[in-house]
Amino acid sequence: MRGRYGVDGRRLGALGRAELALLGRNRGVVFTALFVPLVLPFSLRPALDQAALKKQGLSLGTTTLTAAIGFTFLFAVYTSLVNTYVARREELVLKRLRTGELSDAEILTGSALPAVGIGLAQALLLCAGCAVLLHTGAPRAPYLLLPGLLAGLVVGAGLAALTASFTRTVESGQVTALPLVFVSMLGSGIAFPTEVMPKGLASVCDLLPLSPAIRLVRGGWTGQLSVHDTLGALATALAWTILAVFAVRRWFRWEPRR
């Protein structure tokens, strides 16, 4: 990547609006981003052990809410952005954008704005909806929700750009995105809270890319996250963000992979 990383708000907004218009034409991506995070969490409810959840101070409603937000990170942001970056690269859109005034950071950020915006809006709606429908109540530590949401959105977008670097076609993007999706679902506390895992396994799973965001969101709702665990989650999220930015700057491909 080139050494241009300045950001102009007007150019960023214009690119974001153009990308949103293109995103709206892809019905498959829109369906996956909007509806999958709403459906999947409820399919997991029969597999959750309510007794084990109560032992850890968790409720079925809180666990379902956290799962829904986790699926938003995975499908509304991560997988949709993998497809977006690959499609724009193969169509030479990214290459043409680089010949103009836009910096590299503006191109990547502007392309991600619609997906990140949809993910944020969906997460906030889920919080409000679950508070009413699942009786989760108000968050006990709301100051943890914002960093948790930001961590999930930023890390998801960064890893999407990195995954796109090694993805040849839009069709193969459905395969290259699967490892992170499955690992995050099973290990980051999305499908099953890490609190109910053995301590050794939970300690390893807490280091996965989306684990800090899930821990902060769940901790924001339950109020059970200690200062030590909060700082650890924030540090892990920051580490993954820095690593993703470095990797994208080093390996992101602007030319079609043909």
Protein backbone atom coordinates (compact mmCIF):
# COMPACT_ATOMS: atom_id res chain seq x y z
CA MET A 1 0.00 0.00 0.00
CA ARG A 2 1.08 3.55 -0.59
CA GLY A 3 1.94 6.04 2.06
CA ARG A 4 -1.31 8.03 1.78
CA TYR A 5 -3.44 7.65 4.87
CA GLY A 6 -5.09 11.04 5.34
CA VAL A 7 -8.86 11.13 5.70
CA ASP A 8 -11.25 13.78 4.38
CA GLY A 9 -14.80 13.63 5.74
CA ARG A 10 -16.52 14.78 2.55
CA ARG A 11 -14.73 12.31 0.31
CA LEU A 12 -15.31 9.57 2.86
CA GLY A 13 -19.03 10.34 3.00
CA ALA A 14 -19.36 10.41 -0.79
CA LEU A 15 -17.66 7.03 -1.13
CA GLY A 16 -19.79 5.61 1.67
CA ARG A 17 -23.01 6.73 -0.04
CA ALA A 18 -21.90 5.23 -3.34
CA GLU A 19 -21.02 1.95 -1.64
CA LEU A 20 -24.38 1.90 0.13
CA ALA A 21 -26.16 2.20 -3.22
CA LEU A 22 -24.15 -0.71 -4.59
CA LEU A 23 -24.77 -2.75 -1.45
CA GLY A 24 -28.52 -2.27 -1.80
CA ARG A 25 -28.42 -3.97 -5.21
CA ASN A 26 -26.95 -7.18 -3.79
CA ARG A 27 -30.00 -8.82 -2.25
CA GLY A 28 -28.09 -11.88 -1.06
CA VAL A 29 -25.64 -9.84 0.99
CA VAL A 30 -28.41 -7.62 2.37
CA PHE A 31 -30.46 -10.66 3.42
CA THR A 32 -27.46 -12.26 5.13
CA ALA A 33 -26.52 -9.04 6.90
CA LEU A 34 -30.01 -8.16 8.12
CA PHE A 35 -31.79 -11.42 8.84
CA VAL A 36 -29.20 -14.09 9.69
CA PRO A 37 -28.16 -12.37 12.97
CA LEU A 38 -31.83 -12.29 13.97
CA VAL A 39 -32.60 -15.95 13.22
CA LEU A 40 -29.48 -17.86 14.27
CA PRO A 41 -29.46 -16.93 17.99
CA PHE A 42 -32.92 -18.41 18.51
CA SER A 43 -31.84 -21.67 16.86
CA LEU A 44 -29.18 -22.02 19.56
CA ARG A 45 -31.55 -21.63 22.52
CA PRO A 46 -32.49 -25.35 22.81
CA ALA A 47 -28.78 -26.25 23.10
CA LEU A 48 -28.11 -23.87 25.98
CA ASP A 49 -28.09 -25.31 29.49
CA GLN A 50 -30.14 -22.85 31.51
CA ALA A 51 -28.95 -24.32 34.80
CA ALA A 52 -25.31 -23.75 33.82
CA LEU A 53 -26.13 -20.22 32.72
CA LYS A 54 -27.79 -19.35 36.02
CA LYS A 55 -24.81 -20.76 37.89
CA GLN A 56 -22.62 -18.20 36.13
CA GLY A 57 -25.09 -15.37 36.73
CA LEU A 58 -26.32 -15.37 33.12
CA SER A 59 -29.84 -15.53 31.74
CA LEU A 60 -31.17 -17.01 28.52
CA GLY A 61 -32.19 -13.55 27.36
CA THR A 62 -28.76 -12.03 27.93
CA THR A 63 -27.06 -14.97 26.23
CA THR A 64 -29.38 -14.73 23.22
CA LEU A 65 -28.79 -10.98 22.96
CA THR A 66 -25.02 -11.40 23.04
CA ALA A 67 -25.23 -14.15 20.40
CA ALA A 68 -27.32 -11.92 18.15
CA ILE A 69 -24.80 -9.07 18.41
CA GLY A 70 -21.95 -11.51 17.77
CA PHE A 71 -23.67 -12.76 14.62
CA THR A 72 -24.06 -9.13 13.58
CA PHE A 73 -20.28 -8.70 13.80
CA LEU A 74 -19.79 -11.87 11.74
CA PHE A 75 -22.44 -11.51 9.04
CA ALA A 76 -23.44 -7.84 8.81
CA VAL A 77 -19.82 -6.68 8.95
CA TYR A 78 -17.20 -9.39 8.41
CA THR A 79 -18.59 -11.67 5.69
CA SER A 80 -20.39 -8.87 3.81
CA LEU A 81 -17.20 -6.79 3.73
CA VAL A 82 -15.12 -9.71 2.48
CA ASN A 83 -17.50 -9.90 -0.50
CA THR A 84 -17.44 -6.12 -0.93
CA TYR A 85 -13.67 -5.77 -0.99
CA VAL A 86 -13.19 -8.74 -3.32
CA ALA A 87 -15.94 -7.61 -5.71
CA ARG A 88 -14.64 -4.04 -5.91
CA ARG A 89 -11.08 -5.26 -6.44
CA GLU A 90 -11.98 -7.71 -9.20
CA GLU A 91 -14.14 -5.08 -10.92
CA LEU A 92 -11.12 -2.70 -10.87
CA VAL A 93 -13.09 -0.21 -8.76
CA LEU A 94 -10.40 -0.03 -6.07
CA LYS A 95 -7.68 0.41 -8.68
CA ARG A 96 -9.53 3.31 -10.33
CA LEU A 97 -10.21 4.95 -6.97
CA ARG A 98 -6.48 4.93 -6.20
CA THR A 99 -5.77 7.05 -9.28
CA GLY A 100 -7.82 9.94 -7.86
CA GLU A 101 -7.72 12.10 -4.76
CA LEU A 102 -8.76 9.38 -2.32
CA SER A 103 -6.14 8.02 0.04
CA ASP A 104 -5.80 4.30 0.72
CA ALA A 105 -7.34 4.73 4.16
CA GLU A 106 -10.31 6.60 2.69
CA ILE A 107 -10.93 3.89 0.09
CA LEU A 108 -10.93 1.06 2.60
CA THR A 109 -12.84 2.99 5.28
CA GLY A 110 -15.40 4.43 2.88
CA SER A 111 -16.07 1.00 1.40
CA ALA A 112 -16.65 -0.34 4.92
CA LEU A 113 -18.94 2.47 6.14
CA PRO A 114 -22.30 1.01 4.98
CA ALA A 115 -21.63 -2.42 6.48
CA VAL A 116 -20.31 -0.96 9.72
CA GLY A 117 -23.27 1.43 9.90
CA ILE A 118 -25.73 -1.41 9.34
CA GLY A 119 -23.96 -3.48 11.96
CA LEU A 120 -24.07 -0.68 14.53
CA ALA A 121 -27.73 0.12 13.87
CA GLN A 122 -28.68 -3.53 14.02
CA ALA A 123 -26.80 -4.05 17.29
CA LEU A 124 -28.54 -1.06 18.90
CA LEU A 125 -31.95 -2.28 17.72
CA LEU A 126 -31.19 -5.74 19.08
CA CYS A 127 -30.31 -4.25 22.45
CA ALA A 128 -33.59 -2.34 22.57
CA GLY A 129 -35.66 -5.22 21.20
CA CYS A 130 -34.24 -7.86 23.51
CA ALA A 131 -34.64 -5.58 26.53
CA VAL A 132 -38.37 -5.52 25.81
CA LEU A 133 -39.10 -8.94 24.28
CA LEU A 134 -36.67 -11.12 26.26
CA HIS A 135 -36.93 -9.11 29.48
CA THR A 136 -33.18 -8.59 29.75
CA GLY A 137 -33.74 -5.24 31.38
CA ALA A 138 -31.40 -2.28 31.12
CA PRO A 139 -27.63 -2.86 30.96
CA ARG A 140 -25.99 -2.75 34.38
CA ALA A 141 -22.70 -1.40 33.04
CA PRO A 142 -23.68 0.57 29.92
CA TYR A 143 -20.23 2.17 29.71
CA LEU A 144 -18.89 -1.20 28.50
CA LEU A 145 -21.35 -1.52 25.62
CA LEU A 146 -19.88 1.21 23.40
CA PRO A 147 -16.25 -0.06 23.50
CA GLY A 148 -17.59 -3.58 23.01
CA LEU A 149 -19.58 -2.62 19.93
CA LEU A 150 -16.73 -0.52 18.51
CA ALA A 151 -14.24 -3.34 19.06
CA GLY A 152 -16.45 -5.84 17.24
CA LEU A 153 -17.12 -3.51 14.32
CA VAL A 154 -13.51 -2.34 13.86
CA VAL A 155 -11.89 -5.76 14.26
CA GLY A 156 -14.52 -7.33 11.99
CA ALA A 157 -13.88 -4.74 9.26
CA GLY A 158 -10.10 -5.06 9.56
CA LEU A 159 -10.15 -8.83 9.36
CA ALA A 160 -12.52 -8.64 6.39
CA ALA A 161 -9.96 -6.57 4.47
CA LEU A 162 -7.26 -9.04 5.42
CA THR A 163 -9.36 -12.05 4.38
CA ALA A 164 -10.15 -10.35 1.07
CA SER A 165 -6.42 -10.11 0.40
CA PHE A 166 -6.24 -13.90 0.13
CA THR A 167 -9.57 -14.40 -1.62
CA ARG A 168 -9.57 -14.80 -5.40
CA THR A 169 -13.27 -14.43 -6.23
CA VAL A 170 -16.51 -13.36 -4.59
CA GLU A 171 -17.68 -16.98 -4.70
CA SER A 172 -14.56 -18.24 -2.91
CA GLY A 173 -15.09 -15.54 -0.27
CA GLN A 174 -17.84 -17.72 1.17
CA VAL A 175 -15.14 -20.33 1.85
CA THR A 176 -12.25 -18.14 3.01
CA ALA A 177 -14.51 -16.42 5.56
CA LEU A 178 -15.70 -19.70 7.10
CA PRO A 179 -12.71 -20.40 9.40
CA LEU A 180 -13.10 -17.16 11.35
CA VAL A 181 -16.89 -17.54 11.39
CA PHE A 182 -16.77 -21.05 12.85
CA VAL A 183 -13.96 -20.31 15.30
CA SER A 184 -15.72 -17.18 16.55
CA MET A 185 -19.09 -18.89 16.85
CA LEU A 186 -17.69 -21.74 18.93
CA GLY A 187 -14.84 -20.06 20.80
CA SER A 188 -15.60 -16.37 21.21
CA GLY A 189 -18.66 -16.83 23.38
CA ILE A 190 -21.23 -16.28 20.66
CA ALA A 191 -22.89 -19.70 20.47
CA PHE A 192 -21.82 -20.74 23.99
CA PRO A 193 -20.64 -18.31 26.68
CA THR A 194 -16.99 -18.76 27.64
CA GLU A 195 -18.12 -18.60 31.27
CA VAL A 196 -19.47 -22.16 31.01
CA MET A 197 -16.27 -23.51 29.43
CA PRO A 198 -13.39 -25.09 31.40
CA LYS A 199 -11.05 -22.36 32.65
CA GLY A 200 -8.08 -23.43 30.54
CA LEU A 201 -10.13 -23.52 27.34
CA ALA A 202 -11.85 -20.25 28.21
CA SER A 203 -8.49 -18.52 28.72
CA VAL A 204 -7.41 -19.53 25.21
CA CYS A 205 -10.75 -18.59 23.66
CA ASP A 206 -10.61 -15.16 25.27
CA LEU A 207 -7.67 -14.35 22.98
CA LEU A 208 -9.65 -14.87 19.76
CA PRO A 209 -10.34 -11.76 17.62
CA LEU A 210 -13.98 -11.20 18.54
CA SER A 211 -13.82 -12.51 22.10
CA PRO A 212 -13.01 -9.11 23.68
CA ALA A 213 -16.01 -7.48 22.01
CA ILE A 214 -18.35 -10.26 23.13
CA ARG A 215 -17.01 -10.14 26.70
CA LEU A 216 -17.46 -6.37 26.89
CA VAL A 217 -21.00 -6.51 25.49
CA ARG A 218 -22.02 -9.30 27.85
CA GLY A 219 -20.28 -7.60 30.76
CA GLY A 220 -22.08 -4.37 29.93
CA TRP A 221 -25.39 -6.14 30.28
CA THR A 222 -24.66 -8.27 33.34
CA GLY A 223 -22.33 -5.87 35.16
CA GLN A 224 -20.17 -8.84 36.20
CA LEU A 225 -16.97 -7.94 34.36
CA SER A 226 -14.21 -6.97 36.80
CA VAL A 227 -11.81 -4.09 36.21
CA HIS A 228 -9.01 -6.58 35.52
CA ASP A 229 -11.08 -8.48 32.96
CA THR A 230 -12.27 -5.23 31.37
CA LEU A 231 -8.72 -3.95 30.92
CA GLY A 232 -7.68 -7.35 29.56
CA ALA A 233 -10.51 -7.33 27.02
CA LEU A 234 -9.71 -3.77 25.93
CA ALA A 235 -6.01 -4.59 25.57
CA THR A 236 -6.76 -7.71 23.51
CA ALA A 237 -9.15 -5.78 21.26
CA LEU A 238 -6.53 -3.05 20.74
CA ALA A 239 -3.88 -5.66 19.94
CA TRP A 240 -6.10 -7.30 17.30
CA THR A 241 -6.92 -3.89 15.81
CA ILE A 242 -3.24 -2.96 15.49
CA LEU A 243 -2.40 -6.38 14.07
CA ALA A 244 -5.22 -6.17 11.51
CA VAL A 245 -4.17 -2.67 10.39
CA PHE A 246 -0.54 -3.74 10.04
CA ALA A 247 -1.50 -6.88 8.09
CA VAL A 248 -3.81 -4.97 5.75
CA ARG A 249 -1.14 -2.36 5.04
CA ARG A 250 1.33 -5.14 4.34
CA TRP A 251 -0.73 -7.62 2.33
CA PHE A 252 -3.88 -6.01 0.98
CA ARG A 253 -4.10 -6.50 -2.79
CA TRP A 254 -5.39 -3.72 -5.01
CA GLU A 255 -4.91 -5.61 -8.27
CA PRO A 256 -7.29 -8.39 -9.39
CA ARG A 257 -6.12 -11.89 -8.48
CA ARG A 258 -6.18 -13.48 -11.94
